[in-house]
Amino acid sequence: KTDFINFINDQEWKSIEPVSSWFGPSSFLMSSMSALFQLSMWIRHGHGYLTENLGIPVWGSYAIFGLATLFSGLVLGLVSEAFGTDWEH
């Protein structure tokens, strides 16, 4: 607490460079990182629901999420082909 008060009183904060807008809390990079953390929490809660509430074994939950990952990749690939998106450039 004392260090923080001295930091403010001695105006040491003036010598610190501001955070780049690229790493700011509202930047695209940080928003994307937040979305990934939210997705990981959703997966964690989904795994808990499958194993604790529905009684599915842990390996079964992993299999469900693995198949969901494969299926979503398949759907994204089909959508990409349907729109004729060329990802090779």
PDB file of N, CA and C in Angstrom:
ATOM      1  N   LYS A   1       0.825  -1.178   0.000  1.00  0.00           N
ATOM      2  CA  LYS A   1       0.000   0.000   0.000  1.00  0.00           C
ATOM      3  C   LYS A   1       0.876   1.250   0.000  1.00  0.00           C
ATOM      4  N   THR A   2       1.923   1.217   0.792  1.00  0.00           N
ATOM      5  CA  THR A   2       2.820   2.365   0.887  1.00  0.00           C
ATOM      6  C   THR A   2       3.520   2.614  -0.448  1.00  0.00           C
ATOM      7  N   ASP A   3       3.934   1.528  -1.107  1.00  0.00           N
ATOM      8  CA  ASP A   3       4.588   1.677  -2.408  1.00  0.00           C
ATOM      9  C   ASP A   3       3.661   2.322  -3.428  1.00  0.00           C
ATOM     10  N   PHE A   4       2.393   1.951  -3.401  1.00  0.00           N
ATOM     11  CA  PHE A   4       1.433   2.526  -4.337  1.00  0.00           C
ATOM     12  C   PHE A   4       1.226   4.015  -4.064  1.00  0.00           C
ATOM     13  N   ILE A   5       1.103   4.372  -2.808  1.00  0.00           N
ATOM     14  CA  ILE A   5       0.923   5.787  -2.442  1.00  0.00           C
ATOM     15  C   ILE A   5       2.148   6.590  -2.857  1.00  0.00           C
ATOM     16  N   ASN A   6       3.347   6.048  -2.638  1.00  0.00           N
ATOM     17  CA  ASN A   6       4.570   6.738  -3.059  1.00  0.00           C
ATOM     18  C   ASN A   6       4.629   6.845  -4.579  1.00  0.00           C
ATOM     19  N   PHE A   7       4.173   5.834  -5.265  1.00  0.00           N
ATOM     20  CA  PHE A   7       4.146   5.841  -6.728  1.00  0.00           C
ATOM     21  C   PHE A   7       3.295   7.002  -7.233  1.00  0.00           C
ATOM     22  N   ILE A   8       2.174   7.256  -6.579  1.00  0.00           N
ATOM     23  CA  ILE A   8       1.289   8.355  -6.972  1.00  0.00           C
ATOM     24  C   ILE A   8       1.858   9.699  -6.521  1.00  0.00           C
ATOM     25  N   ASN A   9       2.259   9.798  -5.263  1.00  0.00           N
ATOM     26  CA  ASN A   9       2.750  11.068  -4.727  1.00  0.00           C
ATOM     27  C   ASN A   9       4.021  11.544  -5.417  1.00  0.00           C
ATOM     28  N   ASP A  10       4.927  10.622  -5.713  1.00  0.00           N
ATOM     29  CA  ASP A  10       6.190  10.985  -6.359  1.00  0.00           C
ATOM     30  C   ASP A  10       6.055  11.108  -7.873  1.00  0.00           C
ATOM     31  N   GLN A  11       4.862  10.898  -8.383  1.00  0.00           N
ATOM     32  CA  GLN A  11       4.538  10.976  -9.808  1.00  0.00           C
ATOM     33  C   GLN A  11       5.439  10.071 -10.658  1.00  0.00           C
ATOM     34  N   GLU A  12       5.742   8.896 -10.133  1.00  0.00           N
ATOM     35  CA  GLU A  12       6.528   7.913 -10.881  1.00  0.00           C
ATOM     36  C   GLU A  12       5.755   7.381 -12.079  1.00  0.00           C
ATOM     37  N   TRP A  13       4.442   7.531 -12.063  1.00  0.00           N
ATOM     38  CA  TRP A  13       3.605   7.039 -13.152  1.00  0.00           C
ATOM     39  C   TRP A  13       3.891   7.779 -14.446  1.00  0.00           C
ATOM     40  N   LYS A  14       4.459   8.975 -14.373  1.00  0.00           N
ATOM     41  CA  LYS A  14       4.759   9.745 -15.584  1.00  0.00           C
ATOM     42  C   LYS A  14       5.870   9.103 -16.418  1.00  0.00           C
ATOM     43  N   SER A  15       6.721   8.320 -15.783  1.00  0.00           N
ATOM     44  CA  SER A  15       7.848   7.706 -16.502  1.00  0.00           C
ATOM     45  C   SER A  15       7.461   6.402 -17.199  1.00  0.00           C
ATOM     46  N   ILE A  16       6.246   5.933 -17.002  1.00  0.00           N
ATOM     47  CA  ILE A  16       5.799   4.681 -17.606  1.00  0.00           C
ATOM     48  C   ILE A  16       5.109   4.977 -18.930  1.00  0.00           C
ATOM     49  N   GLU A  17       5.505   4.243 -19.965  1.00  0.00           N
ATOM     50  CA  GLU A  17       4.889   4.434 -21.279  1.00  0.00           C
ATOM     51  C   GLU A  17       3.482   3.834 -21.289  1.00  0.00           C
ATOM     52  N   PRO A  18       2.548   4.509 -21.960  1.00  0.00           N
ATOM     53  CA  PRO A  18       1.185   3.964 -22.024  1.00  0.00           C
ATOM     54  C   PRO A  18       1.136   2.669 -22.831  1.00  0.00           C
ATOM     55  N   VAL A  19       0.118   1.885 -22.569  1.00  0.00           N
ATOM     56  CA  VAL A  19      -0.068   0.617 -23.271  1.00  0.00           C
ATOM     57  C   VAL A  19      -0.444   0.906 -24.720  1.00  0.00           C
ATOM     58  N   SER A  20       0.140   0.173 -25.631  1.00  0.00           N
ATOM     59  CA  SER A  20      -0.176   0.324 -27.044  1.00  0.00           C
ATOM     60  C   SER A  20      -1.653   0.037 -27.285  1.00  0.00           C
ATOM     61  N   SER A  21      -2.234   0.730 -28.256  1.00  0.00           N
ATOM     62  CA  SER A  21      -3.654   0.492 -28.555  1.00  0.00           C
ATOM     63  C   SER A  21      -3.888  -0.943 -29.010  1.00  0.00           C
ATOM     64  N   TRP A  22      -2.851  -1.585 -29.558  1.00  0.00           N
ATOM     65  CA  TRP A  22      -2.956  -2.976 -29.998  1.00  0.00           C
ATOM     66  C   TRP A  22      -3.245  -3.900 -28.818  1.00  0.00           C
ATOM     67  N   PHE A  23      -2.722  -3.561 -27.644  1.00  0.00           N
ATOM     68  CA  PHE A  23      -2.912  -4.386 -26.452  1.00  0.00           C
ATOM     69  C   PHE A  23      -3.919  -3.783 -25.477  1.00  0.00           C
ATOM     70  N   GLY A  24      -4.625  -2.751 -25.883  1.00  0.00           N
ATOM     71  CA  GLY A  24      -5.632  -2.134 -25.027  1.00  0.00           C
ATOM     72  C   GLY A  24      -6.806  -3.067 -24.798  1.00  0.00           C
ATOM     73  N   PRO A  25      -7.559  -2.848 -23.745  1.00  0.00           N
ATOM     74  CA  PRO A  25      -8.664  -3.750 -23.403  1.00  0.00           C
ATOM     75  C   PRO A  25      -9.758  -3.832 -24.458  1.00  0.00           C
ATOM     76  N   SER A  26      -9.928  -2.791 -25.269  1.00  0.00           N
ATOM     77  CA  SER A  26     -10.990  -2.829 -26.275  1.00  0.00           C
ATOM     78  C   SER A  26     -10.473  -3.155 -27.680  1.00  0.00           C
ATOM     79  N   SER A  27      -9.206  -3.572 -27.793  1.00  0.00           N
ATOM     80  CA  SER A  27      -8.644  -3.888 -29.108  1.00  0.00           C
ATOM     81  C   SER A  27      -9.182  -5.223 -29.619  1.00  0.00           C
ATOM     82  N   PHE A  28      -9.033  -5.432 -30.918  1.00  0.00           N
ATOM     83  CA  PHE A  28      -9.478  -6.687 -31.523  1.00  0.00           C
ATOM     84  C   PHE A  28      -8.745  -7.881 -30.915  1.00  0.00           C
ATOM     85  N   LEU A  29      -7.447  -7.725 -30.676  1.00  0.00           N
ATOM     86  CA  LEU A  29      -6.646  -8.813 -30.107  1.00  0.00           C
ATOM     87  C   LEU A  29      -7.159  -9.225 -28.730  1.00  0.00           C
ATOM     88  N   MET A  30      -7.398  -8.246 -27.863  1.00  0.00           N
ATOM     89  CA  MET A  30      -7.862  -8.565 -26.513  1.00  0.00           C
ATOM     90  C   MET A  30      -9.311  -9.056 -26.514  1.00  0.00           C
ATOM     91  N   SER A  31     -10.132  -8.540 -27.423  1.00  0.00           N
ATOM     92  CA  SER A  31     -11.502  -9.034 -27.535  1.00  0.00           C
ATOM     93  C   SER A  31     -11.513 -10.486 -27.989  1.00  0.00           C
ATOM     94  N   SER A  32     -10.630 -10.828 -28.913  1.00  0.00           N
ATOM     95  CA  SER A  32     -10.515 -12.213 -29.379  1.00  0.00           C
ATOM     96  C   SER A  32     -10.024 -13.119 -28.261  1.00  0.00           C
ATOM     97  N   MET A  33      -9.056 -12.641 -27.493  1.00  0.00           N
ATOM     98  CA  MET A  33      -8.540 -13.422 -26.373  1.00  0.00           C
ATOM     99  C   MET A  33      -9.637 -13.659 -25.340  1.00  0.00           C
ATOM    100  N   SER A  34     -10.450 -12.649 -25.085  1.00  0.00           N
ATOM    101  CA  SER A  34     -11.570 -12.782 -24.157  1.00  0.00           C
ATOM    102  C   SER A  34     -12.572 -13.818 -24.663  1.00  0.00           C
ATOM    103  N   ALA A  35     -12.845 -13.791 -25.962  1.00  0.00           N
ATOM    104  CA  ALA A  35     -13.780 -14.766 -26.536  1.00  0.00           C
ATOM    105  C   ALA A  35     -13.248 -16.185 -26.385  1.00  0.00           C
ATOM    106  N   LEU A  36     -11.937 -16.374 -26.543  1.00  0.00           N
ATOM    107  CA  LEU A  36     -11.354 -17.716 -26.366  1.00  0.00           C
ATOM    108  C   LEU A  36     -11.479 -18.182 -24.919  1.00  0.00           C
ATOM    109  N   PHE A  37     -11.268 -17.273 -23.975  1.00  0.00           N
ATOM    110  CA  PHE A  37     -11.425 -17.644 -22.566  1.00  0.00           C
ATOM    111  C   PHE A  37     -12.883 -17.987 -22.259  1.00  0.00           C
ATOM    112  N   GLN A  38     -13.815 -17.230 -22.821  1.00  0.00           N
ATOM    113  CA  GLN A  38     -15.229 -17.528 -22.610  1.00  0.00           C
ATOM    114  C   GLN A  38     -15.589 -18.880 -23.217  1.00  0.00           C
ATOM    115  N   LEU A  39     -15.034 -19.185 -24.395  1.00  0.00           N
ATOM    116  CA  LEU A  39     -15.271 -20.488 -25.018  1.00  0.00           C
ATOM    117  C   LEU A  39     -14.728 -21.610 -24.147  1.00  0.00           C
ATOM    118  N   SER A  40     -13.525 -21.409 -23.591  1.00  0.00           N
ATOM    119  CA  SER A  40     -12.954 -22.451 -22.740  1.00  0.00           C
ATOM    120  C   SER A  40     -13.803 -22.682 -21.492  1.00  0.00           C
ATOM    121  N   MET A  41     -14.380 -21.613 -20.942  1.00  0.00           N
ATOM    122  CA  MET A  41     -15.257 -21.776 -19.772  1.00  0.00           C
ATOM    123  C   MET A  41     -16.548 -22.484 -20.162  1.00  0.00           C
ATOM    124  N   TRP A  42     -17.074 -22.191 -21.358  1.00  0.00           N
ATOM    125  CA  TRP A  42     -18.276 -22.875 -21.830  1.00  0.00           C
ATOM    126  C   TRP A  42     -17.992 -24.366 -21.994  1.00  0.00           C
ATOM    127  N   ILE A  43     -16.833 -24.701 -22.544  1.00  0.00           N
ATOM    128  CA  ILE A  43     -16.463 -26.108 -22.723  1.00  0.00           C
ATOM    129  C   ILE A  43     -16.314 -26.782 -21.358  1.00  0.00           C
ATOM    130  N   ARG A  44     -15.703 -26.087 -20.414  1.00  0.00           N
ATOM    131  CA  ARG A  44     -15.525 -26.650 -19.068  1.00  0.00           C
ATOM    132  C   ARG A  44     -16.884 -26.921 -18.413  1.00  0.00           C
ATOM    133  N   HIS A  45     -17.808 -25.956 -18.516  1.00  0.00           N
ATOM    134  CA  HIS A  45     -19.138 -26.153 -17.932  1.00  0.00           C
ATOM    135  C   HIS A  45     -19.888 -27.265 -18.665  1.00  0.00           C
ATOM    136  N   GLY A  46     -19.731 -27.322 -19.983  1.00  0.00           N
ATOM    137  CA  GLY A  46     -20.371 -28.392 -20.756  1.00  0.00           C
ATOM    138  C   GLY A  46     -19.845 -29.755 -20.358  1.00  0.00           C
ATOM    139  N   HIS A  47     -18.540 -29.854 -20.154  1.00  0.00           N
ATOM    140  CA  HIS A  47     -17.939 -31.123 -19.724  1.00  0.00           C
ATOM    141  C   HIS A  47     -18.467 -31.516 -18.343  1.00  0.00           C
ATOM    142  N   GLY A  48     -18.547 -30.540 -17.437  1.00  0.00           N
ATOM    143  CA  GLY A  48     -19.081 -30.822 -16.102  1.00  0.00           C
ATOM    144  C   GLY A  48     -20.529 -31.274 -16.162  1.00  0.00           C
ATOM    145  N   TYR A  49     -21.326 -30.634 -17.009  1.00  0.00           N
ATOM    146  CA  TYR A  49     -22.733 -31.023 -17.147  1.00  0.00           C
ATOM    147  C   TYR A  49     -22.855 -32.445 -17.679  1.00  0.00           C
ATOM    148  N   LEU A  50     -22.060 -32.768 -18.702  1.00  0.00           N
ATOM    149  CA  LEU A  50     -22.135 -34.108 -19.293  1.00  0.00           C
ATOM    150  C   LEU A  50     -21.707 -35.188 -18.310  1.00  0.00           C
ATOM    151  N   THR A  51     -20.656 -34.928 -17.540  1.00  0.00           N
ATOM    152  CA  THR A  51     -20.139 -35.965 -16.641  1.00  0.00           C
ATOM    153  C   THR A  51     -20.892 -36.032 -15.318  1.00  0.00           C
ATOM    154  N   GLU A  52     -21.261 -34.883 -14.755  1.00  0.00           N
ATOM    155  CA  GLU A  52     -21.891 -34.878 -13.437  1.00  0.00           C
ATOM    156  C   GLU A  52     -23.407 -35.039 -13.501  1.00  0.00           C
ATOM    157  N   ASN A  53     -24.066 -34.310 -14.394  1.00  0.00           N
ATOM    158  CA  ASN A  53     -25.536 -34.352 -14.436  1.00  0.00           C
ATOM    159  C   ASN A  53     -26.065 -35.506 -15.273  1.00  0.00           C
ATOM    160  N   LEU A  54     -25.428 -35.764 -16.404  1.00  0.00           N
ATOM    161  CA  LEU A  54     -25.919 -36.825 -17.283  1.00  0.00           C
ATOM    162  C   LEU A  54     -25.247 -38.174 -17.037  1.00  0.00           C
ATOM    163  N   GLY A  55     -24.174 -38.173 -16.267  1.00  0.00           N
ATOM    164  CA  GLY A  55     -23.497 -39.421 -15.922  1.00  0.00           C
ATOM    165  C   GLY A  55     -22.668 -40.024 -17.046  1.00  0.00           C
ATOM    166  N   ILE A  56     -22.336 -39.239 -18.042  1.00  0.00           N
ATOM    167  CA  ILE A  56     -21.502 -39.730 -19.146  1.00  0.00           C
ATOM    168  C   ILE A  56     -20.066 -39.832 -18.640  1.00  0.00           C
ATOM    169  N   PRO A  57     -19.368 -40.929 -18.963  1.00  0.00           N
ATOM    170  CA  PRO A  57     -17.967 -41.038 -18.525  1.00  0.00           C
ATOM    171  C   PRO A  57     -17.107 -39.934 -19.162  1.00  0.00           C
ATOM    172  N   VAL A  58     -15.975 -39.663 -18.531  1.00  0.00           N
ATOM    173  CA  VAL A  58     -15.089 -38.605 -19.005  1.00  0.00           C
ATOM    174  C   VAL A  58     -14.673 -38.856 -20.451  1.00  0.00           C
ATOM    175  N   TRP A  59     -14.325 -40.105 -20.789  1.00  0.00           N
ATOM    176  CA  TRP A  59     -13.900 -40.396 -22.165  1.00  0.00           C
ATOM    177  C   TRP A  59     -15.047 -40.136 -23.144  1.00  0.00           C
ATOM    178  N   GLY A  60     -16.290 -40.339 -22.695  1.00  0.00           N
ATOM    179  CA  GLY A  60     -17.443 -40.069 -23.547  1.00  0.00           C
ATOM    180  C   GLY A  60     -17.609 -38.578 -23.807  1.00  0.00           C
ATOM    181  N   SER A  61     -17.356 -37.778 -22.769  1.00  0.00           N
ATOM    182  CA  SER A  61     -17.417 -36.325 -22.940  1.00  0.00           C
ATOM    183  C   SER A  61     -16.340 -35.865 -23.918  1.00  0.00           C
ATOM    184  N   TYR A  62     -15.138 -36.412 -23.784  1.00  0.00           N
ATOM    185  CA  TYR A  62     -14.059 -36.076 -24.716  1.00  0.00           C
ATOM    186  C   TYR A  62     -14.430 -36.467 -26.141  1.00  0.00           C
ATOM    187  N   ALA A  63     -15.046 -37.612 -26.284  1.00  0.00           N
ATOM    188  CA  ALA A  63     -15.456 -38.074 -27.613  1.00  0.00           C
ATOM    189  C   ALA A  63     -16.513 -37.129 -28.206  1.00  0.00           C
ATOM    190  N   ILE A  64     -17.450 -36.687 -27.386  1.00  0.00           N
ATOM    191  CA  ILE A  64     -18.493 -35.764 -27.861  1.00  0.00           C
ATOM    192  C   ILE A  64     -17.865 -34.453 -28.330  1.00  0.00           C
ATOM    193  N   PHE A  65     -16.960 -33.901 -27.525  1.00  0.00           N
ATOM    194  CA  PHE A  65     -16.312 -32.648 -27.921  1.00  0.00           C
ATOM    195  C   PHE A  65     -15.407 -32.847 -29.133  1.00  0.00           C
ATOM    196  N   GLY A  66     -14.754 -33.994 -29.230  1.00  0.00           N
ATOM    197  CA  GLY A  66     -13.938 -34.287 -30.407  1.00  0.00           C
ATOM    198  C   GLY A  66     -14.776 -34.369 -31.666  1.00  0.00           C
ATOM    199  N   LEU A  67     -15.898 -35.060 -31.588  1.00  0.00           N
ATOM    200  CA  LEU A  67     -16.794 -35.156 -32.742  1.00  0.00           C
ATOM    201  C   LEU A  67     -17.398 -33.794 -33.086  1.00  0.00           C
ATOM    202  N   ALA A  68     -17.712 -32.995 -32.081  1.00  0.00           N
ATOM    203  CA  ALA A  68     -18.233 -31.653 -32.341  1.00  0.00           C
ATOM    204  C   ALA A  68     -17.183 -30.802 -33.051  1.00  0.00           C
ATOM    205  N   THR A  69     -15.918 -30.964 -32.682  1.00  0.00           N
ATOM    206  CA  THR A  69     -14.835 -30.228 -33.342  1.00  0.00           C
ATOM    207  C   THR A  69     -14.709 -30.660 -34.797  1.00  0.00           C
ATOM    208  N   LEU A  70     -14.739 -31.966 -35.039  1.00  0.00           N
ATOM    209  CA  LEU A  70     -14.664 -32.466 -36.412  1.00  0.00           C
ATOM    210  C   LEU A  70     -15.862 -32.000 -37.236  1.00  0.00           C
ATOM    211  N   PHE A  71     -17.039 -32.054 -36.651  1.00  0.00           N
ATOM    212  CA  PHE A  71     -18.246 -31.641 -37.357  1.00  0.00           C
ATOM    213  C   PHE A  71     -18.213 -30.150 -37.688  1.00  0.00           C
ATOM    214  N   SER A  72     -17.783 -29.327 -36.731  1.00  0.00           N
ATOM    215  CA  SER A  72     -17.716 -27.884 -37.002  1.00  0.00           C
ATOM    216  C   SER A  72     -16.678 -27.579 -38.078  1.00  0.00           C
ATOM    217  N   GLY A  73     -15.564 -28.311 -38.119  1.00  0.00           N
ATOM    218  CA  GLY A  73     -14.586 -28.143 -39.187  1.00  0.00           C
ATOM    219  C   GLY A  73     -15.167 -28.524 -40.533  1.00  0.00           C
ATOM    220  N   LEU A  74     -15.954 -29.596 -40.557  1.00  0.00           N
ATOM    221  CA  LEU A  74     -16.609 -30.024 -41.787  1.00  0.00           C
ATOM    222  C   LEU A  74     -17.589 -28.963 -42.281  1.00  0.00           C
ATOM    223  N   VAL A  75     -18.407 -28.440 -41.369  1.00  0.00           N
ATOM    224  CA  VAL A  75     -19.384 -27.414 -41.734  1.00  0.00           C
ATOM    225  C   VAL A  75     -18.673 -26.152 -42.226  1.00  0.00           C
ATOM    226  N   LEU A  76     -17.634 -25.717 -41.539  1.00  0.00           N
ATOM    227  CA  LEU A  76     -16.905 -24.529 -41.969  1.00  0.00           C
ATOM    228  C   LEU A  76     -16.253 -24.741 -43.334  1.00  0.00           C
ATOM    229  N   GLY A  77     -15.739 -25.938 -43.573  1.00  0.00           N
ATOM    230  CA  GLY A  77     -15.165 -26.253 -44.876  1.00  0.00           C
ATOM    231  C   GLY A  77     -16.203 -26.221 -45.978  1.00  0.00           C
ATOM    232  N   LEU A  78     -17.378 -26.770 -45.705  1.00  0.00           N
ATOM    233  CA  LEU A  78     -18.448 -26.761 -46.698  1.00  0.00           C
ATOM    234  C   LEU A  78     -18.950 -25.337 -46.970  1.00  0.00           C
ATOM    235  N   VAL A  79     -19.074 -24.542 -45.922  1.00  0.00           N
ATOM    236  CA  VAL A  79     -19.502 -23.156 -46.097  1.00  0.00           C
ATOM    237  C   VAL A  79     -18.454 -22.387 -46.904  1.00  0.00           C
ATOM    238  N   SER A  80     -17.196 -22.635 -46.600  1.00  0.00           N
ATOM    239  CA  SER A  80     -16.118 -21.979 -47.336  1.00  0.00           C
ATOM    240  C   SER A  80     -16.186 -22.335 -48.818  1.00  0.00           C
ATOM    241  N   GLU A  81     -16.421 -23.594 -49.134  1.00  0.00           N
ATOM    242  CA  GLU A  81     -16.526 -24.018 -50.533  1.00  0.00           C
ATOM    243  C   GLU A  81     -17.788 -23.463 -51.184  1.00  0.00           C
ATOM    244  N   ALA A  82     -18.870 -23.385 -50.419  1.00  0.00           N
ATOM    245  CA  ALA A  82     -20.132 -22.880 -50.978  1.00  0.00           C
ATOM    246  C   ALA A  82     -19.999 -21.414 -51.403  1.00  0.00           C
ATOM    247  N   PHE A  83     -19.222 -20.642 -50.636  1.00  0.00           N
ATOM    248  CA  PHE A  83     -19.028 -19.246 -50.986  1.00  0.00           C
ATOM    249  C   PHE A  83     -17.852 -19.037 -51.925  1.00  0.00           C
ATOM    250  N   GLY A  84     -17.162 -20.119 -52.265  1.00  0.00           N
ATOM    251  CA  GLY A  84     -16.046 -20.029 -53.203  1.00  0.00           C
ATOM    252  C   GLY A  84     -14.858 -19.259 -52.643  1.00  0.00           C
ATOM    253  N   THR A  85     -14.692 -19.300 -51.349  1.00  0.00           N
ATOM    254  CA  THR A  85     -13.585 -18.586 -50.721  1.00  0.00           C
ATOM    255  C   THR A  85     -12.285 -19.315 -51.012  1.00  0.00           C
ATOM    256  N   ASP A  86     -11.302 -18.568 -51.487  1.00  0.00           N
ATOM    257  CA  ASP A  86     -10.001 -19.150 -51.800  1.00  0.00           C
ATOM    258  C   ASP A  86      -9.024 -18.759 -50.686  1.00  0.00           C
ATOM    259  N   TRP A  87      -8.691 -19.699 -49.823  1.00  0.00           N
ATOM    260  CA  TRP A  87      -7.839 -19.422 -48.656  1.00  0.00           C
ATOM    261  C   TRP A  87      -6.367 -19.588 -48.979  1.00  0.00           C
ATOM    262  N   GLU A  88      -6.001 -19.919 -50.223  1.00  0.00           N
ATOM    263  CA  GLU A  88      -4.609 -20.209 -50.550  1.00  0.00           C
ATOM    264  C   GLU A  88      -3.787 -18.958 -50.828  1.00  0.00           C
ATOM    265  N   HIS A  89      -4.407 -17.802 -50.938  1.00  0.00           N
ATOM    266  CA  HIS A  89      -3.641 -16.583 -51.248  1.00  0.00           C
ATOM    267  C   HIS A  89      -3.078 -15.975 -50.024  1.00  0.00           C
TER     268      HIS A  89
END
